[in-house]
Amino acid sequence: MLAGCSGGGSLPPAPTGVVVPGSDVAVSIPSRAYDVLRGGPCELSADGLVWYAVASSTFPPIAAAHARCKSASTLDTVAAPPIPSWGRPSGPTKA
């Protein structure tokens, strides 16, 4: 995947949202990390055994391959997530 850095290749397309149908039925989704839900509420799972409930908004990244939602929803990834306040230095730093 370093071809995009050499100037000779192109970068892969940015991930697009995955639409999950509603009706509370578990469906397979492309396996990757998700951190935004539009719609919902939904439950996400990597293995289909342990499920994590997420509300409609942003949440810590979850690697998921299965989803089940109460209503039609879209799972996505934030291209440039905000830096949390605890991650910003309050004064000068030393390299």
N, C-alpha and C. Protein backbone atom coordinates (compact mmCIF):
# COMPACT_ATOMS: atom_id res chain seq x y z
N MET A 1 0.80 -1.20 0.00
CA MET A 1 0.00 0.00 0.00
C MET A 1 0.84 1.26 0.00
N LEU A 2 2.15 1.15 -0.13
CA LEU A 2 2.99 2.33 -0.18
C LEU A 2 3.10 2.91 -1.59
N ALA A 3 2.43 2.33 -2.55
CA ALA A 3 2.51 2.82 -3.93
C ALA A 3 2.05 4.27 -4.03
N GLY A 4 1.10 4.67 -3.20
CA GLY A 4 0.62 6.04 -3.24
C GLY A 4 1.65 7.04 -2.77
N CYS A 5 2.64 6.61 -1.98
CA CYS A 5 3.66 7.50 -1.47
C CYS A 5 4.78 7.72 -2.47
N SER A 6 4.96 6.84 -3.41
CA SER A 6 6.07 6.95 -4.35
C SER A 6 5.78 7.89 -5.49
N GLY A 7 4.55 8.31 -5.63
CA GLY A 7 4.19 9.21 -6.71
C GLY A 7 3.79 8.45 -7.97
N GLY A 8 4.06 7.15 -8.04
CA GLY A 8 3.74 6.39 -9.24
C GLY A 8 2.39 5.71 -9.19
N GLY A 9 1.79 5.63 -8.02
CA GLY A 9 0.51 4.93 -7.90
C GLY A 9 -0.56 5.87 -7.40
N SER A 10 -1.69 5.30 -7.12
CA SER A 10 -2.77 6.10 -6.56
C SER A 10 -3.20 5.49 -5.25
N LEU A 11 -3.76 6.33 -4.40
CA LEU A 11 -4.24 5.86 -3.11
C LEU A 11 -5.54 5.11 -3.29
N PRO A 12 -5.82 4.14 -2.42
CA PRO A 12 -7.10 3.44 -2.51
C PRO A 12 -8.24 4.40 -2.20
N PRO A 13 -9.43 4.12 -2.70
CA PRO A 13 -10.55 5.03 -2.43
C PRO A 13 -10.87 5.07 -0.95
N ALA A 14 -11.33 6.21 -0.49
CA ALA A 14 -11.73 6.36 0.91
C ALA A 14 -12.91 5.45 1.19
N PRO A 15 -12.95 4.85 2.39
CA PRO A 15 -14.08 3.98 2.70
C PRO A 15 -15.39 4.76 2.67
N THR A 16 -16.42 4.11 2.20
CA THR A 16 -17.74 4.73 2.19
C THR A 16 -18.60 4.02 3.22
N GLY A 17 -19.68 4.65 3.59
CA GLY A 17 -20.53 4.08 4.61
C GLY A 17 -21.16 2.76 4.18
N VAL A 18 -21.46 1.94 5.15
CA VAL A 18 -22.12 0.66 4.93
C VAL A 18 -23.54 0.78 5.45
N VAL A 19 -24.51 0.55 4.59
CA VAL A 19 -25.92 0.64 4.98
C VAL A 19 -26.34 -0.69 5.59
N VAL A 20 -26.92 -0.63 6.76
CA VAL A 20 -27.40 -1.82 7.47
C VAL A 20 -28.92 -1.72 7.53
N PRO A 21 -29.62 -2.74 7.01
CA PRO A 21 -31.08 -2.69 7.09
C PRO A 21 -31.54 -2.80 8.54
N GLY A 22 -32.70 -2.32 8.80
CA GLY A 22 -33.25 -2.38 10.16
C GLY A 22 -33.83 -3.75 10.47
N SER A 23 -34.83 -3.81 11.26
CA SER A 23 -35.60 -4.98 11.68
C SER A 23 -34.84 -5.91 12.60
N ASP A 24 -33.77 -5.43 13.22
CA ASP A 24 -33.07 -6.18 14.29
C ASP A 24 -32.58 -7.55 13.84
N VAL A 25 -32.16 -7.68 12.58
CA VAL A 25 -31.62 -8.93 12.04
C VAL A 25 -30.13 -8.77 11.85
N ALA A 26 -29.34 -9.74 12.31
CA ALA A 26 -27.88 -9.67 12.17
C ALA A 26 -27.49 -9.86 10.70
N VAL A 27 -26.62 -8.98 10.19
CA VAL A 27 -26.13 -9.08 8.82
C VAL A 27 -24.60 -8.98 8.84
N SER A 28 -23.97 -9.59 7.83
CA SER A 28 -22.53 -9.47 7.68
C SER A 28 -22.21 -8.14 7.00
N ILE A 29 -21.15 -7.49 7.47
CA ILE A 29 -20.70 -6.23 6.89
C ILE A 29 -19.21 -6.36 6.59
N PRO A 30 -18.67 -5.49 5.72
CA PRO A 30 -17.21 -5.56 5.48
C PRO A 30 -16.44 -5.42 6.79
N SER A 31 -15.52 -6.31 7.03
CA SER A 31 -14.78 -6.35 8.29
C SER A 31 -13.75 -5.23 8.32
N ARG A 32 -13.99 -4.23 9.16
CA ARG A 32 -13.07 -3.12 9.38
C ARG A 32 -13.49 -2.38 10.64
N ALA A 33 -12.75 -1.35 11.00
CA ALA A 33 -13.08 -0.57 12.19
C ALA A 33 -14.08 0.52 11.83
N TYR A 34 -15.12 0.64 12.61
CA TYR A 34 -16.14 1.66 12.41
C TYR A 34 -16.16 2.56 13.64
N ASP A 35 -16.50 3.85 13.44
CA ASP A 35 -16.58 4.76 14.58
C ASP A 35 -17.67 5.82 14.45
N VAL A 36 -18.56 5.67 13.48
CA VAL A 36 -19.68 6.60 13.31
C VAL A 36 -20.93 5.80 12.96
N LEU A 37 -22.04 6.15 13.59
CA LEU A 37 -23.33 5.53 13.28
C LEU A 37 -24.34 6.63 13.01
N ARG A 38 -24.98 6.53 11.86
CA ARG A 38 -26.09 7.43 11.52
C ARG A 38 -27.34 6.56 11.45
N GLY A 39 -28.28 6.81 12.33
CA GLY A 39 -29.46 5.97 12.44
C GLY A 39 -29.38 5.19 13.74
N GLY A 40 -29.86 3.96 13.71
CA GLY A 40 -29.67 3.10 14.87
C GLY A 40 -30.82 3.17 15.85
N PRO A 41 -30.62 2.68 17.04
CA PRO A 41 -29.37 2.14 17.61
C PRO A 41 -29.00 0.79 16.99
N CYS A 42 -27.72 0.44 17.12
CA CYS A 42 -27.22 -0.81 16.55
C CYS A 42 -26.34 -1.56 17.55
N GLU A 43 -26.13 -2.81 17.24
CA GLU A 43 -25.17 -3.63 17.97
C GLU A 43 -24.16 -4.14 16.95
N LEU A 44 -22.86 -4.11 17.31
CA LEU A 44 -21.79 -4.53 16.43
C LEU A 44 -21.02 -5.68 17.05
N SER A 45 -20.50 -6.58 16.20
CA SER A 45 -19.77 -7.74 16.68
C SER A 45 -18.67 -8.10 15.69
N ALA A 46 -17.54 -8.55 16.19
CA ALA A 46 -16.46 -9.04 15.33
C ALA A 46 -16.65 -10.52 15.03
N ASP A 47 -17.21 -11.27 15.98
CA ASP A 47 -17.31 -12.72 15.84
C ASP A 47 -18.73 -13.27 15.85
N GLY A 48 -19.72 -12.42 16.09
CA GLY A 48 -21.10 -12.88 16.15
C GLY A 48 -21.50 -13.45 17.50
N LEU A 49 -20.56 -13.47 18.45
CA LEU A 49 -20.85 -13.99 19.79
C LEU A 49 -20.97 -12.87 20.82
N VAL A 50 -20.03 -11.92 20.80
CA VAL A 50 -20.04 -10.79 21.72
C VAL A 50 -20.50 -9.56 20.94
N TRP A 51 -21.53 -8.89 21.44
CA TRP A 51 -22.12 -7.75 20.74
C TRP A 51 -21.94 -6.49 21.58
N TYR A 52 -21.67 -5.37 20.91
CA TYR A 52 -21.50 -4.08 21.56
C TYR A 52 -22.58 -3.13 21.07
N ALA A 53 -23.32 -2.53 21.98
CA ALA A 53 -24.38 -1.59 21.62
C ALA A 53 -23.77 -0.21 21.40
N VAL A 54 -24.14 0.44 20.29
CA VAL A 54 -23.66 1.79 20.00
C VAL A 54 -24.86 2.67 19.67
N ALA A 55 -24.77 3.92 20.09
CA ALA A 55 -25.82 4.89 19.82
C ALA A 55 -25.47 5.68 18.57
N SER A 56 -26.42 6.42 18.08
CA SER A 56 -26.23 7.22 16.88
C SER A 56 -25.34 8.42 17.17
N SER A 57 -24.10 8.38 16.72
CA SER A 57 -23.11 9.46 16.84
C SER A 57 -21.74 8.83 16.63
N THR A 58 -20.71 9.46 17.14
CA THR A 58 -19.37 8.87 17.05
C THR A 58 -19.11 8.06 18.32
N PHE A 59 -18.24 7.08 18.21
CA PHE A 59 -17.88 6.22 19.34
C PHE A 59 -16.46 5.71 19.11
N PRO A 60 -15.81 5.16 20.13
CA PRO A 60 -14.46 4.62 19.94
C PRO A 60 -14.48 3.55 18.84
N PRO A 61 -13.43 3.46 18.03
CA PRO A 61 -13.43 2.50 16.92
C PRO A 61 -13.68 1.06 17.38
N ILE A 62 -14.52 0.36 16.64
CA ILE A 62 -14.83 -1.04 16.90
C ILE A 62 -14.59 -1.82 15.62
N ALA A 63 -13.76 -2.86 15.69
CA ALA A 63 -13.57 -3.75 14.54
C ALA A 63 -14.77 -4.67 14.49
N ALA A 64 -15.55 -4.57 13.43
CA ALA A 64 -16.79 -5.33 13.35
C ALA A 64 -16.93 -6.02 12.01
N ALA A 65 -17.58 -7.19 12.03
CA ALA A 65 -17.90 -7.93 10.82
C ALA A 65 -19.39 -8.26 10.76
N HIS A 66 -20.13 -7.95 11.84
CA HIS A 66 -21.56 -8.22 11.91
C HIS A 66 -22.25 -7.03 12.56
N ALA A 67 -23.46 -6.74 12.11
CA ALA A 67 -24.25 -5.65 12.69
C ALA A 67 -25.71 -6.05 12.72
N ARG A 68 -26.42 -5.55 13.72
CA ARG A 68 -27.88 -5.66 13.74
C ARG A 68 -28.41 -4.35 14.31
N CYS A 69 -29.35 -3.78 13.60
CA CYS A 69 -29.87 -2.45 13.92
C CYS A 69 -31.39 -2.48 14.04
N LYS A 70 -31.93 -1.61 14.89
CA LYS A 70 -33.38 -1.50 15.06
C LYS A 70 -34.03 -0.86 13.83
N SER A 71 -33.32 0.08 13.19
CA SER A 71 -33.83 0.74 12.00
C SER A 71 -32.69 0.87 10.99
N ALA A 72 -33.02 1.17 9.74
CA ALA A 72 -31.99 1.31 8.71
C ALA A 72 -30.94 2.32 9.17
N SER A 73 -29.68 1.96 9.04
CA SER A 73 -28.59 2.78 9.57
C SER A 73 -27.41 2.75 8.63
N THR A 74 -26.47 3.67 8.85
CA THR A 74 -25.24 3.71 8.08
C THR A 74 -24.06 3.73 9.04
N LEU A 75 -23.16 2.76 8.89
CA LEU A 75 -21.91 2.71 9.65
C LEU A 75 -20.81 3.31 8.79
N ASP A 76 -19.93 4.07 9.39
CA ASP A 76 -18.88 4.73 8.63
C ASP A 76 -17.66 4.95 9.51
N THR A 77 -16.64 5.55 8.90
CA THR A 77 -15.39 5.87 9.59
C THR A 77 -15.09 7.34 9.39
N VAL A 78 -14.69 8.04 10.45
CA VAL A 78 -14.31 9.44 10.35
C VAL A 78 -12.93 9.50 9.72
N ALA A 79 -12.80 10.24 8.61
CA ALA A 79 -11.52 10.33 7.91
C ALA A 79 -10.46 11.05 8.74
N ALA A 80 -10.84 12.07 9.47
CA ALA A 80 -9.90 12.81 10.31
C ALA A 80 -10.54 13.01 11.68
N PRO A 81 -10.41 12.01 12.55
CA PRO A 81 -11.06 12.13 13.86
C PRO A 81 -10.46 13.29 14.67
N PRO A 82 -11.27 13.94 15.50
CA PRO A 82 -10.76 15.04 16.30
C PRO A 82 -9.76 14.54 17.35
N ILE A 83 -8.82 15.39 17.71
CA ILE A 83 -7.84 15.05 18.75
C ILE A 83 -8.48 15.36 20.09
N PRO A 84 -8.51 14.39 21.01
CA PRO A 84 -9.13 14.65 22.31
C PRO A 84 -8.34 15.68 23.11
N SER A 85 -9.02 16.37 24.03
CA SER A 85 -8.37 17.42 24.81
C SER A 85 -7.18 16.90 25.61
N TRP A 86 -7.25 15.65 26.09
CA TRP A 86 -6.14 15.11 26.87
C TRP A 86 -4.92 14.82 25.99
N GLY A 87 -5.10 14.80 24.67
CA GLY A 87 -3.99 14.53 23.76
C GLY A 87 -3.27 15.77 23.30
N ARG A 88 -3.77 16.95 23.67
CA ARG A 88 -3.14 18.21 23.27
C ARG A 88 -2.24 18.70 24.39
N PRO A 89 -0.98 19.00 24.08
CA PRO A 89 -0.10 19.51 25.14
C PRO A 89 -0.55 20.88 25.62
N SER A 90 -0.40 21.15 26.91
CA SER A 90 -0.81 22.43 27.48
C SER A 90 0.34 23.44 27.47
N GLY A 91 1.52 23.00 27.12
CA GLY A 91 2.67 23.90 27.07
C GLY A 91 3.68 23.37 26.08
N PRO A 92 4.89 23.92 26.11
CA PRO A 92 5.92 23.45 25.17
C PRO A 92 6.28 21.97 25.41
N THR A 93 6.66 21.29 24.35
CA THR A 93 7.05 19.90 24.45
C THR A 93 8.50 19.74 24.00
N LYS A 94 9.13 18.65 24.40
CA LYS A 94 10.49 18.33 24.00
C LYS A 94 10.45 17.10 23.11
N ALA A 95 11.15 17.17 21.99
CA ALA A 95 11.15 16.04 21.05
C ALA A 95 12.11 14.98 21.50
